[in-house]
Amino acid sequence: MVREMRIALPCSNNNGLESEISMHFGRSPYYAFVDVEGNKIKNFEIVPVPFAEHGPGDLPNFVKENGGNVVIAYGMGGRAIDFFNQLGIDVITGASGRVKEVVDAFLKGRIEVDKDWKSKEEFGHHEPSH
């Protein structure tokens, strides 16, 4: 069975597959949408986030409208994770690095995540996810 999916990753810059994953998905100016089939990257696009300010659910809806079914990010609050999950989008947090490296590691089942991202200073204001 060939797995097909569209992975969404928040990016701090627009450098294609070399874009850096943003440390906080809610402040990311771009999203990389990476189409994978089996264990290979088939296509990708970098899409600017269409709004400067966002409310609860705006970014999950943006990802859904762009066909994303998995989000790989570094930091994300519990409410945002719930919104993604309600839309049928899986969320992986604690990932950092460049888009291509992170997607390759994910496809090989070797993604490295920072399990302590929630304790980092800038995420202290988020409620813990359940």
C-alpha atoms as a PDB file:
ATOM      1  CA  MET A   1       0.000   0.000   0.000  1.00  0.00           C
ATOM      2  CA  VAL A   2       1.388   3.392  -0.991  1.00  0.00           C
ATOM      3  CA  ARG A   3       0.982   6.071   1.646  1.00  0.00           C
ATOM      4  CA  GLU A   4       0.046   9.453   0.235  1.00  0.00           C
ATOM      5  CA  MET A   5      -0.145  12.478   2.462  1.00  0.00           C
ATOM      6  CA  ARG A   6       0.343  16.225   2.496  1.00  0.00           C
ATOM      7  CA  ILE A   7       2.475  17.395   5.382  1.00  0.00           C
ATOM      8  CA  ALA A   8       2.226  21.004   6.562  1.00  0.00           C
ATOM      9  CA  LEU A   9       5.204  22.580   8.337  1.00  0.00           C
ATOM     10  CA  PRO A  10       5.306  26.164   9.651  1.00  0.00           C
ATOM     11  CA  CYS A  11       8.423  27.953   8.357  1.00  0.00           C
ATOM     12  CA  SER A  12      10.293  31.053   9.448  1.00  0.00           C
ATOM     13  CA  ASN A  13      11.598  31.708   5.913  1.00  0.00           C
ATOM     14  CA  ASN A  14      10.902  30.871   2.273  1.00  0.00           C
ATOM     15  CA  ASN A  15      13.878  28.757   1.177  1.00  0.00           C
ATOM     16  CA  GLY A  16      11.997  25.838  -0.353  1.00  0.00           C
ATOM     17  CA  LEU A  17      12.865  22.489   1.223  1.00  0.00           C
ATOM     18  CA  GLU A  18      15.750  24.196   3.059  1.00  0.00           C
ATOM     19  CA  SER A  19      13.297  26.441   4.968  1.00  0.00           C
ATOM     20  CA  GLU A  20      13.694  26.367   8.737  1.00  0.00           C
ATOM     21  CA  ILE A  21      10.784  25.129  10.844  1.00  0.00           C
ATOM     22  CA  SER A  22       9.388  28.028  12.854  1.00  0.00           C
ATOM     23  CA  MET A  23       9.723  27.707  16.609  1.00  0.00           C
ATOM     24  CA  HIS A  24       6.069  28.666  17.060  1.00  0.00           C
ATOM     25  CA  PHE A  25       3.494  27.706  14.472  1.00  0.00           C
ATOM     26  CA  GLY A  26       1.230  30.653  15.327  1.00  0.00           C
ATOM     27  CA  ARG A  27       3.885  33.222  14.438  1.00  0.00           C
ATOM     28  CA  SER A  28       5.066  31.544  11.263  1.00  0.00           C
ATOM     29  CA  PRO A  29       4.971  33.714   8.100  1.00  0.00           C
ATOM     30  CA  TYR A  30       4.992  30.675   5.763  1.00  0.00           C
ATOM     31  CA  TYR A  31       3.876  27.084   5.604  1.00  0.00           C
ATOM     32  CA  ALA A  32       5.592  24.398   3.572  1.00  0.00           C
ATOM     33  CA  PHE A  33       3.139  21.870   2.144  1.00  0.00           C
ATOM     34  CA  VAL A  34       5.013  18.704   1.209  1.00  0.00           C
ATOM     35  CA  ASP A  35       3.332  15.984  -0.836  1.00  0.00           C
ATOM     36  CA  VAL A  36       4.692  12.528  -0.111  1.00  0.00           C
ATOM     37  CA  GLU A  37       3.964   9.209  -1.743  1.00  0.00           C
ATOM     38  CA  GLY A  38       5.356   6.092  -0.149  1.00  0.00           C
ATOM     39  CA  ASN A  39       8.573   7.317   1.445  1.00  0.00           C
ATOM     40  CA  LYS A  40       9.427   9.962  -1.153  1.00  0.00           C
ATOM     41  CA  ILE A  41       8.801  13.679  -1.464  1.00  0.00           C
ATOM     42  CA  LYS A  42       6.839  14.139  -4.707  1.00  0.00           C
ATOM     43  CA  ASN A  43       6.156  17.866  -4.607  1.00  0.00           C
ATOM     44  CA  PHE A  44       6.142  20.866  -2.295  1.00  0.00           C
ATOM     45  CA  GLU A  45       5.052  24.464  -2.159  1.00  0.00           C
ATOM     46  CA  ILE A  46       5.698  27.324   0.225  1.00  0.00           C
ATOM     47  CA  VAL A  47       2.512  29.262   0.969  1.00  0.00           C
ATOM     48  CA  PRO A  48       2.534  32.625   2.780  1.00  0.00           C
ATOM     49  CA  VAL A  49       0.164  32.732   5.754  1.00  0.00           C
ATOM     50  CA  PRO A  50      -2.678  34.952   4.466  1.00  0.00           C
ATOM     51  CA  PHE A  51      -3.314  36.840   7.701  1.00  0.00           C
ATOM     52  CA  ALA A  52      -1.105  38.764  10.117  1.00  0.00           C
ATOM     53  CA  GLU A  53      -3.437  38.272  13.068  1.00  0.00           C
ATOM     54  CA  HIS A  54      -5.327  35.047  13.612  1.00  0.00           C
ATOM     55  CA  GLY A  55      -7.962  33.718  15.947  1.00  0.00           C
ATOM     56  CA  PRO A  56      -8.523  30.217  17.284  1.00  0.00           C
ATOM     57  CA  GLY A  57      -9.035  27.783  14.423  1.00  0.00           C
ATOM     58  CA  ASP A  58      -7.786  30.098  11.642  1.00  0.00           C
ATOM     59  CA  LEU A  59      -4.469  28.308  11.083  1.00  0.00           C
ATOM     60  CA  PRO A  60      -5.960  24.794  11.319  1.00  0.00           C
ATOM     61  CA  ASN A  61      -8.558  25.843   8.719  1.00  0.00           C
ATOM     62  CA  PHE A  62      -5.800  27.340   6.529  1.00  0.00           C
ATOM     63  CA  VAL A  63      -3.904  24.016   6.670  1.00  0.00           C
ATOM     64  CA  LYS A  64      -7.098  22.047   5.912  1.00  0.00           C
ATOM     65  CA  GLU A  65      -7.969  24.343   2.965  1.00  0.00           C
ATOM     66  CA  ASN A  66      -4.491  23.674   1.555  1.00  0.00           C
ATOM     67  CA  GLY A  67      -4.991  19.907   1.794  1.00  0.00           C
ATOM     68  CA  GLY A  68      -2.736  19.218   4.792  1.00  0.00           C
ATOM     69  CA  ASN A  69      -3.429  16.052   6.757  1.00  0.00           C
ATOM     70  CA  VAL A  70      -0.367  16.038   9.023  1.00  0.00           C
ATOM     71  CA  VAL A  71       1.262  19.021  10.766  1.00  0.00           C
ATOM     72  CA  ILE A  72       4.843  18.801  11.983  1.00  0.00           C
ATOM     73  CA  ALA A  73       5.766  21.764  14.174  1.00  0.00           C
ATOM     74  CA  TYR A  74       7.930  22.720  17.109  1.00  0.00           C
ATOM     75  CA  GLY A  75       5.639  24.447  19.605  1.00  0.00           C
ATOM     76  CA  MET A  76       1.847  24.541  19.689  1.00  0.00           C
ATOM     77  CA  GLY A  77      -0.769  25.113  22.367  1.00  0.00           C
ATOM     78  CA  GLY A  78      -3.266  22.472  23.404  1.00  0.00           C
ATOM     79  CA  ARG A  79      -6.238  24.329  21.923  1.00  0.00           C
ATOM     80  CA  ALA A  80      -4.567  24.471  18.510  1.00  0.00           C
ATOM     81  CA  ILE A  81      -3.784  20.748  18.658  1.00  0.00           C
ATOM     82  CA  ASP A  82      -7.459  20.089  19.487  1.00  0.00           C
ATOM     83  CA  PHE A  83      -8.579  22.222  16.508  1.00  0.00           C
ATOM     84  CA  PHE A  84      -6.292  20.299  14.143  1.00  0.00           C
ATOM     85  CA  ASN A  85      -7.456  16.952  15.530  1.00  0.00           C
ATOM     86  CA  GLN A  86     -11.127  17.946  15.113  1.00  0.00           C
ATOM     87  CA  LEU A  87     -10.379  18.575  11.418  1.00  0.00           C
ATOM     88  CA  GLY A  88      -8.812  15.113  11.094  1.00  0.00           C
ATOM     89  CA  ILE A  89      -5.251  16.487  10.973  1.00  0.00           C
ATOM     90  CA  ASP A  90      -2.551  14.676  12.958  1.00  0.00           C
ATOM     91  CA  VAL A  91      -0.063  16.827  14.878  1.00  0.00           C
ATOM     92  CA  ILE A  92       3.559  16.119  15.761  1.00  0.00           C
ATOM     93  CA  THR A  93       5.246  18.698  18.003  1.00  0.00           C
ATOM     94  CA  GLY A  94       8.816  19.204  19.119  1.00  0.00           C
ATOM     95  CA  ALA A  95      10.353  18.997  15.622  1.00  0.00           C
ATOM     96  CA  SER A  96      13.022  21.447  14.505  1.00  0.00           C
ATOM     97  CA  GLY A  97      15.445  21.853  11.630  1.00  0.00           C
ATOM     98  CA  ARG A  98      14.993  22.168   7.878  1.00  0.00           C
ATOM     99  CA  VAL A  99      11.823  21.004   6.120  1.00  0.00           C
ATOM    100  CA  LYS A 100      13.500  18.342   3.935  1.00  0.00           C
ATOM    101  CA  GLU A 101      15.465  16.810   6.831  1.00  0.00           C
ATOM    102  CA  VAL A 102      12.419  16.693   9.117  1.00  0.00           C
ATOM    103  CA  VAL A 103      10.143  15.183   6.441  1.00  0.00           C
ATOM    104  CA  ASP A 104      12.786  12.595   5.489  1.00  0.00           C
ATOM    105  CA  ALA A 105      13.214  11.621   9.156  1.00  0.00           C
ATOM    106  CA  PHE A 106       9.422  11.413   9.599  1.00  0.00           C
ATOM    107  CA  LEU A 107       9.062   9.151   6.557  1.00  0.00           C
ATOM    108  CA  LYS A 108      11.795   6.858   7.886  1.00  0.00           C
ATOM    109  CA  GLY A 109      10.176   6.728  11.327  1.00  0.00           C
ATOM    110  CA  ARG A 110      13.202   8.458  12.833  1.00  0.00           C
ATOM    111  CA  ILE A 111      11.906  11.932  13.545  1.00  0.00           C
ATOM    112  CA  GLU A 112      13.637  13.448  16.564  1.00  0.00           C
ATOM    113  CA  VAL A 113      11.453  15.615  18.723  1.00  0.00           C
ATOM    114  CA  ASP A 114      12.230  17.791  21.700  1.00  0.00           C
ATOM    115  CA  LYS A 115       9.925  16.318  24.327  1.00  0.00           C
ATOM    116  CA  ASP A 116      10.657  19.285  26.609  1.00  0.00           C
ATOM    117  CA  TRP A 117       9.561  22.025  24.182  1.00  0.00           C
ATOM    118  CA  LYS A 118       6.678  23.032  26.473  1.00  0.00           C
ATOM    119  CA  SER A 119       9.079  23.947  29.259  1.00  0.00           C
ATOM    120  CA  LYS A 120      11.037  26.352  27.062  1.00  0.00           C
ATOM    121  CA  GLU A 121      10.644  29.952  28.177  1.00  0.00           C
ATOM    122  CA  GLU A 122       8.620  31.240  25.230  1.00  0.00           C
ATOM    123  CA  PHE A 123       5.987  28.507  25.616  1.00  0.00           C
ATOM    124  CA  GLY A 124       5.391  29.068  29.319  1.00  0.00           C
ATOM    125  CA  HIS A 125       2.173  30.981  28.663  1.00  0.00           C
ATOM    126  CA  HIS A 126       0.456  28.093  26.885  1.00  0.00           C
ATOM    127  CA  GLU A 127      -1.847  25.796  28.740  1.00  0.00           C
ATOM    128  CA  PRO A 128      -0.576  22.211  28.659  1.00  0.00           C
ATOM    129  CA  SER A 129      -2.248  19.862  26.206  1.00  0.00           C
ATOM    130  CA  HIS A 130      -4.046  16.879  27.635  1.00  0.00           C
END
